[in-house]
C-alpha atoms as a PDB file:
ATOM      1  CA  MET A   1       0.000   0.000   0.000  1.00  0.00           C
ATOM      2  CA  HIS A   2       1.333   3.461  -0.879  1.00  0.00           C
ATOM      3  CA  TRP A   3       0.006   7.037  -1.148  1.00  0.00           C
ATOM      4  CA  LEU A   4      -2.010   6.402  -4.303  1.00  0.00           C
ATOM      5  CA  ASP A   5      -3.976   3.542  -2.704  1.00  0.00           C
ATOM      6  CA  VAL A   6      -6.510   5.982  -1.265  1.00  0.00           C
ATOM      7  CA  GLN A   7      -9.425   3.573  -0.804  1.00  0.00           C
ATOM      8  CA  GLN A   8      -7.266   0.849   0.709  1.00  0.00           C
ATOM      9  CA  ILE A   9      -5.741   3.388   3.114  1.00  0.00           C
ATOM     10  CA  ALA A  10      -9.208   4.620   4.125  1.00  0.00           C
ATOM     11  CA  GLU A  11     -10.346   1.068   4.853  1.00  0.00           C
ATOM     12  CA  ALA A  12      -7.217   0.413   6.913  1.00  0.00           C
ATOM     13  CA  LEU A  13      -7.753   3.637   8.878  1.00  0.00           C
ATOM     14  CA  VAL A  14     -11.334   2.631   9.718  1.00  0.00           C
ATOM     15  CA  ASP A  15     -10.063  -0.707  11.032  1.00  0.00           C
ATOM     16  CA  ALA A  16      -7.066   0.741  12.886  1.00  0.00           C
ATOM     17  CA  HIS A  17      -8.805   3.797  14.383  1.00  0.00           C
ATOM     18  CA  PRO A  18     -12.539   3.078  14.711  1.00  0.00           C
ATOM     19  CA  THR A  19     -13.158   5.803  17.296  1.00  0.00           C
ATOM     20  CA  LEU A  20     -11.383   8.666  15.542  1.00  0.00           C
ATOM     21  CA  GLU A  21     -13.456  11.253  13.684  1.00  0.00           C
ATOM     22  CA  PRO A  22     -11.622  11.772  10.384  1.00  0.00           C
ATOM     23  CA  SER A  23     -13.062  15.224   9.714  1.00  0.00           C
ATOM     24  CA  THR A  24     -11.349  16.618  12.824  1.00  0.00           C
ATOM     25  CA  ILE A  25      -7.854  15.305  12.085  1.00  0.00           C
ATOM     26  CA  SER A  26      -5.210  17.684  10.769  1.00  0.00           C
ATOM     27  CA  PHE A  27      -3.253  16.750   7.676  1.00  0.00           C
ATOM     28  CA  PRO A  28       0.029  16.346   9.597  1.00  0.00           C
ATOM     29  CA  ALA A  29      -1.729  13.993  12.035  1.00  0.00           C
ATOM     30  CA  LEU A  30      -3.388  12.121   9.160  1.00  0.00           C
ATOM     31  CA  LYS A  31      -0.036  11.675   7.451  1.00  0.00           C
ATOM     32  CA  SER A  32       1.388  10.206  10.672  1.00  0.00           C
ATOM     33  CA  LEU A  33      -1.552   7.816  11.022  1.00  0.00           C
ATOM     34  CA  VAL A  34      -1.106   6.607   7.445  1.00  0.00           C
ATOM     35  CA  LEU A  35       2.647   6.166   7.879  1.00  0.00           C
ATOM     36  CA  GLY A  36       1.903   4.006  10.928  1.00  0.00           C
ATOM     37  CA  LEU A  37      -0.422   1.602   9.114  1.00  0.00           C
ATOM     38  CA  ASP A  38       0.715  -1.998   8.729  1.00  0.00           C
ATOM     39  CA  GLY A  39       1.599  -2.654   5.123  1.00  0.00           C
ATOM     40  CA  PHE A  40       2.121   0.991   4.192  1.00  0.00           C
ATOM     41  CA  HIS A  41       5.351   1.875   2.410  1.00  0.00           C
ATOM     42  CA  GLU A  42       6.241   5.131   0.727  1.00  0.00           C
ATOM     43  CA  GLU A  43       7.327   4.631  -2.870  1.00  0.00           C
ATOM     44  CA  ALA A  44       9.819   6.778  -4.699  1.00  0.00           C
ATOM     45  CA  GLY A  45       8.027   8.993  -7.178  1.00  0.00           C
ATOM     46  CA  HIS A  46       4.772   8.953  -5.199  1.00  0.00           C
ATOM     47  CA  PRO A  47       5.186  11.644  -2.549  1.00  0.00           C
ATOM     48  CA  CYS A  48       2.415  12.731  -0.235  1.00  0.00           C
ATOM     49  CA  ASN A  49       0.778  16.103  -0.797  1.00  0.00           C
ATOM     50  CA  GLU A  50      -2.288  17.995   0.395  1.00  0.00           C
ATOM     51  CA  ARG A  51      -4.443  16.714  -2.463  1.00  0.00           C
ATOM     52  CA  ILE A  52      -3.695  13.090  -1.596  1.00  0.00           C
ATOM     53  CA  LEU A  53      -4.354  13.704   2.097  1.00  0.00           C
ATOM     54  CA  GLU A  54      -7.692  15.365   1.228  1.00  0.00           C
ATOM     55  CA  ALA A  55      -8.656  12.345  -0.866  1.00  0.00           C
ATOM     56  CA  ILE A  56      -7.686   9.961   1.941  1.00  0.00           C
ATOM     57  CA  GLN A  57      -9.615  11.993   4.509  1.00  0.00           C
ATOM     58  CA  GLN A  58     -12.741  12.083   2.314  1.00  0.00           C
ATOM     59  CA  ALA A  59     -12.533   8.359   1.582  1.00  0.00           C
ATOM     60  CA  TRP A  60     -12.153   7.694   5.319  1.00  0.00           C
ATOM     61  CA  ILE A  61     -15.254   9.815   6.049  1.00  0.00           C
ATOM     62  CA  ASP A  62     -17.178   7.974   3.325  1.00  0.00           C
ATOM     63  CA  GLU A  63     -16.021   4.579   4.646  1.00  0.00           C
ATOM     64  CA  ARG A  64     -17.348   5.385   8.123  1.00  0.00           C
ATOM     65  CA  GLU A  65     -20.832   6.218   6.813  1.00  0.00           C
END
């Protein structure tokens, strides 16, 4: 799993942090949570940016609904 696996990351965040409210998490905190997921590895050429974090956050919100 890497930064472009938005849906897979969102699903993993729901499983790993079921009590967290994704809409209240800052992007730096979200990045840390993603980096801490089992199976997540940053890939060269696929850096994290605000757009990716927004997509992850929205997918996480959608997954919780």
